[in-house]
Amino acid sequence: MSILLAIIAINLFSIAGSLRTEAYLNREKNLCIKYLKHQIDRDILIKRLKIVKQANPSSLCDSILNS
């Protein structure tokens, strides 16, 4: 019984890790959509995505949305 519970616990940790990654990607996509709809400005996007100011947010968002 304890082996079964250990297997279930390992699977739950694996699922949690996958969901965390998916949540991060969805957060980036939502920020890019808001930027492209002019709901947030360039500085907020740069701050929230943690990118350098010299980067081109439009091309970065295009690659994020196409992934």
N, C-alpha and C. Protein backbone atom coordinates (compact mmCIF):
# COMPACT_ATOMS: atom_id res chain seq x y z
N MET A 1 0.82 -1.20 0.00
CA MET A 1 0.00 0.00 0.00
C MET A 1 0.87 1.27 0.00
N SER A 2 1.93 1.25 0.79
CA SER A 2 2.77 2.45 0.87
C SER A 2 3.53 2.68 -0.45
N ILE A 3 3.84 1.60 -1.17
CA ILE A 3 4.48 1.76 -2.48
C ILE A 3 3.54 2.45 -3.45
N LEU A 4 2.29 2.08 -3.40
CA LEU A 4 1.28 2.70 -4.26
C LEU A 4 1.13 4.19 -3.94
N LEU A 5 1.12 4.51 -2.66
CA LEU A 5 1.02 5.92 -2.26
C LEU A 5 2.25 6.71 -2.70
N ALA A 6 3.42 6.09 -2.65
CA ALA A 6 4.64 6.76 -3.10
C ALA A 6 4.59 7.03 -4.59
N ILE A 7 4.09 6.06 -5.36
CA ILE A 7 3.96 6.25 -6.81
C ILE A 7 2.97 7.38 -7.12
N ILE A 8 1.88 7.42 -6.39
CA ILE A 8 0.89 8.49 -6.58
C ILE A 8 1.50 9.84 -6.24
N ALA A 9 2.27 9.91 -5.16
CA ALA A 9 2.90 11.18 -4.76
C ALA A 9 3.89 11.65 -5.83
N ILE A 10 4.67 10.74 -6.36
CA ILE A 10 5.64 11.10 -7.42
C ILE A 10 4.91 11.62 -8.65
N ASN A 11 3.82 10.97 -9.01
CA ASN A 11 3.04 11.42 -10.16
C ASN A 11 2.43 12.80 -9.92
N LEU A 12 1.98 13.05 -8.71
CA LEU A 12 1.41 14.37 -8.40
C LEU A 12 2.46 15.46 -8.49
N PHE A 13 3.69 15.19 -8.04
CA PHE A 13 4.76 16.17 -8.16
C PHE A 13 5.09 16.42 -9.63
N SER A 14 5.06 15.38 -10.43
CA SER A 14 5.32 15.53 -11.86
C SER A 14 4.23 16.39 -12.52
N ILE A 15 2.99 16.15 -12.17
CA ILE A 15 1.88 16.93 -12.73
C ILE A 15 1.99 18.38 -12.29
N ALA A 16 2.35 18.60 -11.03
CA ALA A 16 2.50 19.97 -10.52
C ALA A 16 3.58 20.72 -11.28
N GLY A 17 4.68 20.05 -11.59
CA GLY A 17 5.75 20.69 -12.36
C GLY A 17 5.30 21.06 -13.76
N SER A 18 4.54 20.17 -14.38
CA SER A 18 4.03 20.46 -15.72
C SER A 18 3.06 21.63 -15.70
N LEU A 19 2.21 21.67 -14.70
CA LEU A 19 1.25 22.77 -14.60
C LEU A 19 1.94 24.10 -14.34
N ARG A 20 3.02 24.07 -13.57
CA ARG A 20 3.76 25.30 -13.29
C ARG A 20 4.37 25.85 -14.57
N THR A 21 4.94 24.97 -15.39
CA THR A 21 5.52 25.40 -16.66
C THR A 21 4.45 25.95 -17.59
N GLU A 22 3.33 25.27 -17.67
CA GLU A 22 2.23 25.71 -18.53
C GLU A 22 1.68 27.06 -18.06
N ALA A 23 1.60 27.25 -16.75
CA ALA A 23 1.11 28.52 -16.20
C ALA A 23 2.05 29.67 -16.57
N TYR A 24 3.36 29.42 -16.52
CA TYR A 24 4.33 30.45 -16.87
C TYR A 24 4.20 30.84 -18.35
N LEU A 25 4.05 29.85 -19.21
CA LEU A 25 3.90 30.13 -20.64
C LEU A 25 2.60 30.89 -20.92
N ASN A 26 1.52 30.50 -20.26
CA ASN A 26 0.25 31.19 -20.45
C ASN A 26 0.32 32.63 -19.94
N ARG A 27 1.07 32.86 -18.86
CA ARG A 27 1.24 34.22 -18.35
C ARG A 27 1.96 35.08 -19.37
N GLU A 28 3.01 34.53 -19.99
CA GLU A 28 3.74 35.28 -21.02
C GLU A 28 2.84 35.58 -22.22
N LYS A 29 2.05 34.61 -22.64
CA LYS A 29 1.16 34.81 -23.78
C LYS A 29 0.12 35.88 -23.46
N ASN A 30 -0.45 35.86 -22.26
CA ASN A 30 -1.43 36.87 -21.88
C ASN A 30 -0.82 38.27 -21.87
N LEU A 31 0.40 38.39 -21.37
CA LEU A 31 1.07 39.69 -21.38
C LEU A 31 1.29 40.19 -22.80
N CYS A 32 1.69 39.31 -23.69
CA CYS A 32 1.92 39.70 -25.07
C CYS A 32 0.63 40.11 -25.77
N ILE A 33 -0.43 39.39 -25.51
CA ILE A 33 -1.72 39.76 -26.10
C ILE A 33 -2.16 41.13 -25.61
N LYS A 34 -1.99 41.39 -24.32
CA LYS A 34 -2.34 42.71 -23.79
C LYS A 34 -1.48 43.81 -24.40
N TYR A 35 -0.18 43.51 -24.61
CA TYR A 35 0.71 44.49 -25.22
C TYR A 35 0.29 44.77 -26.66
N LEU A 36 -0.01 43.73 -27.41
CA LEU A 36 -0.38 43.92 -28.81
C LEU A 36 -1.74 44.60 -28.97
N LYS A 37 -2.60 44.51 -27.96
CA LYS A 37 -3.88 45.20 -27.97
C LYS A 37 -3.78 46.59 -27.33
N HIS A 38 -2.54 47.00 -26.99
CA HIS A 38 -2.26 48.31 -26.40
C HIS A 38 -2.94 48.49 -25.05
N GLN A 39 -3.07 47.41 -24.29
CA GLN A 39 -3.64 47.51 -22.95
C GLN A 39 -2.55 47.74 -21.90
N ILE A 40 -1.32 47.35 -22.20
CA ILE A 40 -0.18 47.67 -21.35
C ILE A 40 0.91 48.26 -22.23
N ASP A 41 1.76 49.08 -21.63
CA ASP A 41 2.81 49.70 -22.45
C ASP A 41 4.10 48.87 -22.43
N ARG A 42 5.03 49.34 -23.21
CA ARG A 42 6.29 48.61 -23.45
C ARG A 42 7.07 48.39 -22.16
N ASP A 43 7.15 49.41 -21.31
CA ASP A 43 7.93 49.31 -20.08
C ASP A 43 7.37 48.26 -19.12
N ILE A 44 6.06 48.19 -19.04
CA ILE A 44 5.43 47.18 -18.16
C ILE A 44 5.71 45.79 -18.71
N LEU A 45 5.61 45.62 -20.02
CA LEU A 45 5.89 44.32 -20.63
C LEU A 45 7.33 43.89 -20.37
N ILE A 46 8.26 44.80 -20.55
CA ILE A 46 9.68 44.50 -20.32
C ILE A 46 9.91 44.12 -18.86
N LYS A 47 9.28 44.84 -17.96
CA LYS A 47 9.46 44.56 -16.53
C LYS A 47 8.87 43.19 -16.16
N ARG A 48 7.69 42.89 -16.65
CA ARG A 48 7.02 41.64 -16.27
C ARG A 48 7.63 40.42 -16.94
N LEU A 49 8.16 40.57 -18.16
CA LEU A 49 8.82 39.45 -18.84
C LEU A 49 10.29 39.34 -18.45
N LYS A 50 10.78 40.35 -17.74
CA LYS A 50 12.18 40.37 -17.28
C LYS A 50 13.14 40.25 -18.46
N ILE A 51 12.98 41.17 -19.42
CA ILE A 51 13.86 41.21 -20.58
C ILE A 51 14.61 42.53 -20.57
N VAL A 52 15.64 42.63 -21.38
CA VAL A 52 16.42 43.87 -21.46
C VAL A 52 15.66 44.90 -22.29
N LYS A 53 15.90 46.16 -22.01
CA LYS A 53 15.17 47.23 -22.68
C LYS A 53 15.50 47.34 -24.17
N GLN A 54 16.64 46.82 -24.57
CA GLN A 54 17.02 46.92 -25.98
C GLN A 54 16.28 45.90 -26.84
N ALA A 55 15.64 44.93 -26.23
CA ALA A 55 14.93 43.90 -26.99
C ALA A 55 13.70 44.49 -27.65
N ASN A 56 13.32 43.92 -28.77
CA ASN A 56 12.13 44.37 -29.49
C ASN A 56 10.92 43.55 -28.99
N PRO A 57 10.04 44.16 -28.20
CA PRO A 57 8.93 43.41 -27.63
C PRO A 57 7.98 42.81 -28.67
N SER A 58 7.81 43.48 -29.79
CA SER A 58 6.89 42.97 -30.80
C SER A 58 7.38 41.66 -31.39
N SER A 59 8.65 41.59 -31.73
CA SER A 59 9.17 40.34 -32.29
C SER A 59 9.24 39.25 -31.22
N LEU A 60 9.53 39.65 -30.00
CA LEU A 60 9.54 38.68 -28.90
C LEU A 60 8.15 38.11 -28.67
N CYS A 61 7.14 38.97 -28.69
CA CYS A 61 5.77 38.51 -28.51
C CYS A 61 5.32 37.62 -29.67
N ASP A 62 5.75 37.96 -30.87
CA ASP A 62 5.40 37.09 -32.01
C ASP A 62 5.94 35.68 -31.82
N SER A 63 7.17 35.57 -31.35
CA SER A 63 7.74 34.24 -31.14
C SER A 63 7.06 33.52 -29.98
N ILE A 64 6.68 34.25 -28.94
CA ILE A 64 5.98 33.63 -27.81
C ILE A 64 4.61 33.14 -28.23
N LEU A 65 3.90 33.94 -28.99
CA LEU A 65 2.55 33.55 -29.40
C LEU A 65 2.55 32.44 -30.43
N ASN A 66 3.61 32.30 -31.20
CA ASN A 66 3.70 31.24 -32.19
C ASN A 66 4.17 29.92 -31.60
N SER A 67 4.61 29.94 -30.36
CA SER A 67 5.08 28.69 -29.75
C SER A 67 3.96 27.87 -29.17
